[in-house]
Amino acid sequence: MPQHGPTKDDLYHDPDLAQFYDLENEWGPDLDYCVRLAEEARSVLDLGCGTGRLAASLAESRTVVGVDPASAMLDIARTRPGGGRADWIEADARRVRLGRRFDLVLLTGHAFQVFLTKGDQQAVLSTIAGHLAPGGRFVFDTRNPADRAWRNWTPKQSRRGFEHPGLGPVEAWNDAVHDASTGIVTYQTHYEIVASKRRFSAASKIRFTTREKLAATLDRAGLEVDEWLGDWKGGPCEPTSREIIPRGRPL
C-alpha cells in the first residue's frame, strides 16, 4: 500500500522500513499507464516519487524531476539503476514550487490519500496546477471509499511473505481502524524477519475521499478532468470501482 505524506511517516522516512518498499510494490499497471501517458511528454514532474522506479524509467528519454518528502526513499532513488538521469528534490508536495512547468505531472501510489485535510488536498492540487505547462496533463489515484479497502487490512487477511535479498524471508501484515466521520484510516504496518524474529513497525494515516468531493476540490484548484478512470487498465470510474483516477489538464 504505497503512500507518502506531508507528515513524517516512519514507513518511508526510516531507512530500516524504506528498504522493504520496492519488495512490496512491484511494477504494475499504474506505472505502465503512466509510461504510455508520458510518450509525448518532454518533461515530467513525479510528486511523491518514492524510491524513484517510475521517474528513473521515464528519465531515459525526457527531463524528469522526482519530489518526495522522505530522504530515505530518495536515497534509494538516487542509487537505483538509471537514478542519475533524474533530478531528485526532497520537498513537501503541498508547498514545493520549482519555478518551471511540465508537460505531465504525476501523483501515483495513492500518495494523494496521505493529505488528511481539505486544506492539504487543495494545496497539493494547487501544486499540480501551478506546475502544468499550457496543454499539459496530470493524473493521480485515490482509493474509492465505497470499496472499503480497509476491511481487508487485518492481520489475518493482510498477512503475506516475501524474500529480502539480505535478510531472507520476511513476513508482513497490517491492522487498520476506519473513522467514518472523517474518512481517515489509521493503519499499522509490520515487517518481521523470519530468521531473527526482529520486527519493524510503523503507524500511518490516509484519507478516503469521494469522487464528488474530489471533483469540487479539483475545480477550485483550476484543474479540469478529461476522464475519470476506475482502474489503471482504462476502465471507467463506476460507483463500486476500487479506484478513483482523474486524468486531465489545467482549466
Protein backbone atom coordinates (compact mmCIF):
# COMPACT_ATOMS: atom_id res chain seq x y z
CA MET A 1 0.00 0.00 0.00
CA PRO A 2 2.27 2.71 -1.17
CA GLN A 3 1.73 6.19 0.26
CA HIS A 4 3.90 9.19 1.09
CA GLY A 5 2.82 12.08 3.24
CA PRO A 6 3.23 15.63 4.41
CA THR A 7 3.89 14.41 7.96
CA LYS A 8 6.84 12.25 8.96
CA ASP A 9 5.78 8.64 8.46
CA ASP A 10 8.45 6.14 9.54
CA LEU A 11 7.26 3.75 6.85
CA TYR A 12 9.09 5.99 4.37
CA HIS A 13 11.41 8.16 6.48
CA ASP A 14 13.10 5.33 8.39
CA PRO A 15 15.72 3.53 6.22
CA ASP A 16 15.03 0.28 8.11
CA LEU A 17 11.45 0.40 6.82
CA ALA A 18 12.08 2.05 3.44
CA GLN A 19 14.20 -0.93 2.41
CA PHE A 20 11.03 -3.02 2.10
CA TYR A 21 9.19 -0.62 -0.21
CA ASP A 22 10.29 -1.96 -3.59
CA LEU A 23 9.86 -5.55 -2.42
CA GLU A 24 6.22 -4.83 -1.58
CA ASN A 25 5.43 -2.57 -4.54
CA GLU A 26 6.43 -4.13 -7.83
CA TRP A 27 5.98 -2.57 -11.25
CA GLY A 28 2.28 -2.70 -12.09
CA PRO A 29 -0.46 -1.42 -14.43
CA ASP A 30 -0.37 2.04 -12.81
CA LEU A 31 3.22 2.55 -13.92
CA ASP A 32 2.52 1.03 -17.35
CA TYR A 33 -0.28 3.56 -17.81
CA CYS A 34 1.95 6.46 -16.80
CA VAL A 35 4.68 5.36 -19.21
CA ARG A 36 2.16 5.36 -22.07
CA LEU A 37 0.77 8.73 -20.98
CA ALA A 38 4.29 10.17 -20.95
CA GLU A 39 5.14 9.09 -24.51
CA GLU A 40 4.64 12.59 -25.93
CA ALA A 41 5.81 14.48 -22.84
CA ARG A 42 9.21 16.16 -22.95
CA SER A 43 9.16 16.91 -19.21
CA VAL A 44 7.60 15.11 -16.24
CA LEU A 45 7.13 16.04 -12.58
CA ASP A 46 6.65 12.99 -10.36
CA LEU A 47 5.25 14.11 -6.99
CA GLY A 48 5.56 11.55 -4.21
CA CYS A 49 8.12 9.73 -6.35
CA GLY A 50 9.18 7.40 -3.54
CA THR A 51 12.12 5.17 -4.48
CA GLY A 52 12.02 6.58 -8.00
CA ARG A 53 11.25 3.47 -10.03
CA LEU A 54 8.85 5.28 -12.36
CA ALA A 55 10.79 8.54 -12.52
CA ALA A 56 14.07 6.81 -13.37
CA SER A 57 12.36 4.84 -16.12
CA LEU A 58 10.80 7.95 -17.66
CA ALA A 59 14.06 9.91 -17.43
CA GLU A 60 15.68 7.71 -20.05
CA SER A 61 14.25 9.87 -22.84
CA ARG A 62 12.98 13.10 -21.24
CA THR A 63 13.55 15.59 -18.42
CA VAL A 64 12.18 14.25 -15.13
CA VAL A 65 12.04 15.73 -11.63
CA GLY A 66 11.08 13.49 -8.71
CA VAL A 67 9.83 15.10 -5.49
CA ASP A 68 9.36 13.29 -2.17
CA PRO A 69 9.44 14.37 1.49
CA ALA A 70 11.33 11.25 2.66
CA SER A 71 15.12 11.34 2.38
CA ALA A 72 15.31 7.57 2.94
CA MET A 73 13.23 6.99 -0.19
CA LEU A 74 15.24 9.48 -2.24
CA ASP A 75 18.48 7.81 -1.15
CA ILE A 76 17.20 4.65 -2.83
CA ALA A 77 16.06 6.63 -5.89
CA ARG A 78 19.45 8.23 -6.42
CA THR A 79 21.32 4.93 -6.31
CA ARG A 80 18.90 2.78 -8.32
CA PRO A 81 19.74 1.87 -11.95
CA GLY A 82 19.01 4.98 -14.02
CA GLY A 83 18.72 7.15 -10.93
CA GLY A 84 21.37 9.52 -12.17
CA ARG A 85 19.20 10.57 -15.10
CA ALA A 86 16.53 12.30 -12.99
CA ASP A 87 16.64 15.26 -10.62
CA TRP A 88 15.57 14.39 -7.07
CA ILE A 89 14.19 17.00 -4.68
CA GLU A 90 13.32 16.47 -1.02
CA ALA A 91 10.22 18.62 -0.50
CA ASP A 92 6.61 18.71 0.63
CA ALA A 93 4.23 18.41 -2.33
CA ARG A 94 1.86 20.91 -0.70
CA ARG A 95 4.44 23.67 -0.78
CA VAL A 96 7.10 22.89 -3.37
CA ARG A 97 7.41 25.50 -6.11
CA LEU A 98 10.07 24.79 -8.72
CA GLY A 99 9.60 27.87 -10.89
CA ARG A 100 9.06 25.78 -14.01
CA ARG A 101 6.28 23.92 -15.78
CA PHE A 102 5.96 20.38 -17.05
CA ASP A 103 4.11 18.54 -19.80
CA LEU A 104 2.97 15.88 -17.35
CA VAL A 105 2.52 15.84 -13.56
CA LEU A 106 2.07 12.50 -11.78
CA LEU A 107 1.00 11.61 -8.24
CA THR A 108 0.72 7.82 -8.11
CA GLY A 109 0.79 5.08 -5.48
CA HIS A 110 -2.27 6.53 -3.71
CA ALA A 111 0.01 9.29 -2.44
CA PHE A 112 -2.93 11.72 -2.61
CA GLN A 113 -4.52 9.92 0.34
CA VAL A 114 -1.85 10.99 2.82
CA PHE A 115 -3.17 14.56 2.63
CA LEU A 116 -5.62 14.36 5.50
CA THR A 117 -7.40 17.72 5.45
CA LYS A 118 -9.32 19.63 2.82
CA GLY A 119 -6.68 22.33 3.00
CA ASP A 120 -3.86 19.86 2.39
CA GLN A 121 -5.71 18.32 -0.54
CA GLN A 122 -6.33 21.73 -2.01
CA ALA A 123 -2.66 22.63 -1.56
CA VAL A 124 -1.28 19.58 -3.39
CA LEU A 125 -3.74 20.04 -6.26
CA SER A 126 -2.66 23.66 -6.49
CA THR A 127 0.92 22.42 -6.75
CA ILE A 128 -0.10 20.24 -9.68
CA ALA A 129 -1.92 23.13 -11.37
CA GLY A 130 0.96 25.53 -10.78
CA HIS A 131 3.47 23.21 -12.46
CA LEU A 132 1.47 22.27 -15.57
CA ALA A 133 2.53 23.76 -18.88
CA PRO A 134 -0.23 25.02 -21.19
CA GLY A 135 -1.81 21.90 -22.62
CA GLY A 136 -0.05 19.78 -20.03
CA ARG A 137 -1.71 16.79 -18.38
CA PHE A 138 -1.98 15.31 -14.90
CA VAL A 139 -3.09 12.01 -13.41
CA PHE A 140 -3.31 10.65 -9.87
CA ASP A 141 -5.12 7.94 -7.95
CA THR A 142 -7.04 7.55 -4.73
CA ARG A 143 -8.94 4.54 -3.41
CA ASN A 144 -12.71 4.67 -3.69
CA PRO A 145 -14.22 4.77 -0.18
CA ALA A 146 -17.21 2.79 -1.46
CA ASP A 147 -14.89 -0.21 -1.94
CA ARG A 148 -13.94 -0.12 1.78
CA ALA A 149 -10.44 -1.47 1.16
CA TRP A 150 -9.55 -1.10 4.85
CA ARG A 151 -11.76 -4.10 5.67
CA ASN A 152 -9.00 -6.34 4.25
CA TRP A 153 -6.21 -4.67 6.25
CA THR A 154 -6.47 -7.05 9.19
CA PRO A 155 -3.58 -9.17 10.48
CA LYS A 156 -5.23 -12.34 9.17
CA GLN A 157 -6.27 -11.10 5.73
CA SER A 158 -3.22 -8.95 5.01
CA ARG A 159 -0.52 -11.43 6.08
CA ARG A 160 2.00 -12.02 3.31
CA GLY A 161 5.56 -13.10 2.79
CA PHE A 162 8.45 -12.14 0.54
CA GLU A 163 12.19 -12.57 0.22
CA HIS A 164 14.61 -9.80 1.20
CA PRO A 165 17.95 -10.09 -0.66
CA GLY A 166 19.96 -9.53 2.52
CA LEU A 167 17.64 -10.52 5.36
CA GLY A 168 16.00 -13.59 3.87
CA PRO A 169 12.30 -14.44 4.28
CA VAL A 170 10.09 -11.65 5.67
CA GLU A 171 6.53 -11.85 6.96
CA ALA A 172 4.37 -8.72 6.79
CA TRP A 173 0.89 -7.74 7.89
CA ASN A 174 -1.35 -4.73 8.61
CA ASP A 175 -4.02 -3.68 11.04
CA ALA A 176 -6.38 -0.78 10.42
CA VAL A 177 -9.11 1.34 12.03
CA HIS A 178 -11.52 3.44 9.95
CA ASP A 179 -13.04 6.66 11.28
CA ALA A 180 -16.32 7.05 9.38
CA SER A 181 -16.74 10.67 10.49
CA THR A 182 -13.51 11.83 8.83
CA GLY A 183 -12.82 9.14 6.24
CA ILE A 184 -9.37 8.67 7.81
CA VAL A 185 -7.90 5.20 8.21
CA THR A 186 -5.13 4.67 10.75
CA TYR A 187 -3.15 1.55 9.98
CA GLN A 188 -0.13 -0.28 11.28
CA THR A 189 2.43 -1.97 9.03
CA HIS A 190 4.65 -4.72 10.45
CA TYR A 191 7.65 -6.49 8.93
CA GLU A 192 9.19 -9.44 10.77
CA ILE A 193 12.45 -11.11 9.74
CA VAL A 194 11.70 -14.84 9.91
CA ALA A 195 15.20 -15.94 10.95
CA SER A 196 15.82 -13.42 13.72
CA LYS A 197 12.22 -12.50 14.64
CA ARG A 198 13.30 -8.86 14.51
CA ARG A 199 10.28 -6.68 13.82
CA PHE A 200 9.97 -3.25 12.16
CA SER A 201 6.67 -1.38 12.58
CA ALA A 202 5.14 1.95 11.61
CA ALA A 203 1.82 3.74 12.04
CA SER A 204 0.29 5.64 9.12
CA LYS A 205 -2.83 7.64 8.31
CA ILE A 206 -4.62 8.06 4.98
CA ARG A 207 -7.88 9.69 3.96
CA PHE A 208 -10.58 8.27 1.68
CA THR A 209 -12.37 10.93 -0.39
CA THR A 210 -15.46 10.54 -2.56
CA ARG A 211 -15.40 11.42 -6.25
CA GLU A 212 -17.91 14.22 -5.68
CA LYS A 213 -15.77 15.95 -3.05
CA LEU A 214 -12.65 15.40 -5.12
CA ALA A 215 -14.27 16.95 -8.20
CA ALA A 216 -15.07 20.13 -6.28
CA THR A 217 -11.50 20.39 -4.96
CA LEU A 218 -10.07 19.88 -8.45
CA ASP A 219 -12.28 22.63 -9.81
CA ARG A 220 -11.15 25.06 -7.11
CA ALA A 221 -7.53 24.24 -7.97
CA GLY A 222 -8.07 25.14 -11.61
CA LEU A 223 -7.87 21.60 -12.93
CA GLU A 224 -10.22 20.08 -15.50
CA VAL A 225 -10.84 16.34 -15.61
CA ASP A 226 -10.97 14.84 -19.09
CA GLU A 227 -11.71 11.34 -17.87
CA TRP A 228 -12.46 9.56 -14.60
CA LEU A 229 -10.95 6.07 -14.55
CA GLY A 230 -11.87 3.25 -12.19
CA ASP A 231 -8.69 1.26 -12.75
CA TRP A 232 -5.28 1.63 -14.38
CA LYS A 233 -6.33 -0.52 -17.33
CA GLY A 234 -8.55 2.33 -18.52
CA GLY A 235 -11.92 1.19 -17.20
CA PRO A 236 -14.50 3.89 -16.35
CA CYS A 237 -14.98 5.06 -12.78
CA GLU A 238 -18.17 3.42 -11.51
CA PRO A 239 -19.74 3.81 -8.05
CA THR A 240 -18.22 0.48 -7.00
CA SER A 241 -14.80 0.87 -8.67
CA ARG A 242 -11.79 0.18 -6.47
CA GLU A 243 -10.00 3.29 -7.71
CA ILE A 244 -10.82 6.92 -8.48
CA ILE A 245 -8.31 8.14 -11.08
CA PRO A 246 -8.82 11.63 -12.52
CA ARG A 247 -6.87 12.44 -15.65
CA GLY A 248 -6.97 15.95 -17.06
CA ARG A 249 -5.37 19.32 -17.72
CA PRO A 250 -5.34 22.91 -16.45
CA LEU A 251 -8.53 24.94 -16.95
